[in-house]
Amino acid sequence: RKREQDEKELRQFQKWFKQLGMTLEEAYIEFIGELEEYYEEEKTQAE
């Protein structure tokens, strides 16, 4: 049940990425980059 929902969301994301002219890989790399920056900032603030 949950898995169907995930697959539906994934397809939705893929549709958006296509419209944005991004491949899923590019989007993933971009997303990971954002996350790393966010965690770096969090770590810096915590110290």
Protein backbone atom coordinates (compact mmCIF):
# COMPACT_ATOMS: atom_id res chain seq x y z
CA ARG A 1 0.00 0.00 0.00
CA LYS A 2 2.77 2.41 1.00
CA ARG A 3 4.89 1.23 -1.90
CA GLU A 4 2.23 2.16 -4.46
CA GLN A 5 2.13 5.65 -3.00
CA ASP A 6 5.92 5.94 -3.25
CA GLU A 7 5.92 4.81 -6.87
CA LYS A 8 3.19 7.29 -7.72
CA GLU A 9 5.21 10.09 -6.10
CA LEU A 10 8.37 8.98 -7.89
CA ARG A 11 6.60 9.11 -11.25
CA GLN A 12 5.32 12.59 -10.37
CA PHE A 13 8.87 13.72 -9.57
CA GLN A 14 10.17 12.25 -12.81
CA LYS A 15 7.51 14.19 -14.71
CA TRP A 16 8.59 17.43 -13.02
CA PHE A 17 12.26 16.73 -13.71
CA LYS A 18 11.49 16.14 -17.38
CA GLN A 19 9.66 19.44 -17.54
CA LEU A 20 12.61 21.12 -15.85
CA GLY A 21 14.96 19.45 -18.32
CA MET A 22 16.81 17.61 -15.58
CA THR A 23 17.64 13.97 -15.46
CA LEU A 24 16.86 12.12 -12.27
CA GLU A 25 20.61 11.75 -11.68
CA GLU A 26 21.21 15.50 -11.99
CA ALA A 27 18.33 16.19 -9.66
CA TYR A 28 19.68 13.64 -7.18
CA ILE A 29 23.16 15.15 -7.23
CA GLU A 30 21.66 18.61 -6.79
CA PHE A 31 19.52 17.37 -3.89
CA ILE A 32 22.46 15.67 -2.15
CA GLY A 33 24.51 18.85 -2.55
CA GLU A 34 21.76 20.86 -0.89
CA LEU A 35 21.54 18.36 1.96
CA GLU A 36 25.28 18.41 2.56
CA GLU A 37 25.30 22.21 2.68
CA TYR A 38 22.39 22.13 5.10
CA TYR A 39 24.12 19.63 7.40
CA GLU A 40 27.36 21.61 7.29
CA GLU A 41 25.48 24.72 8.43
CA GLU A 42 23.68 22.77 11.17
CA LYS A 43 26.99 21.35 12.43
CA THR A 44 28.64 24.76 12.43
CA GLN A 45 25.77 26.28 14.42
CA ALA A 46 25.76 23.41 16.91
CA GLU A 47 29.42 23.84 17.84
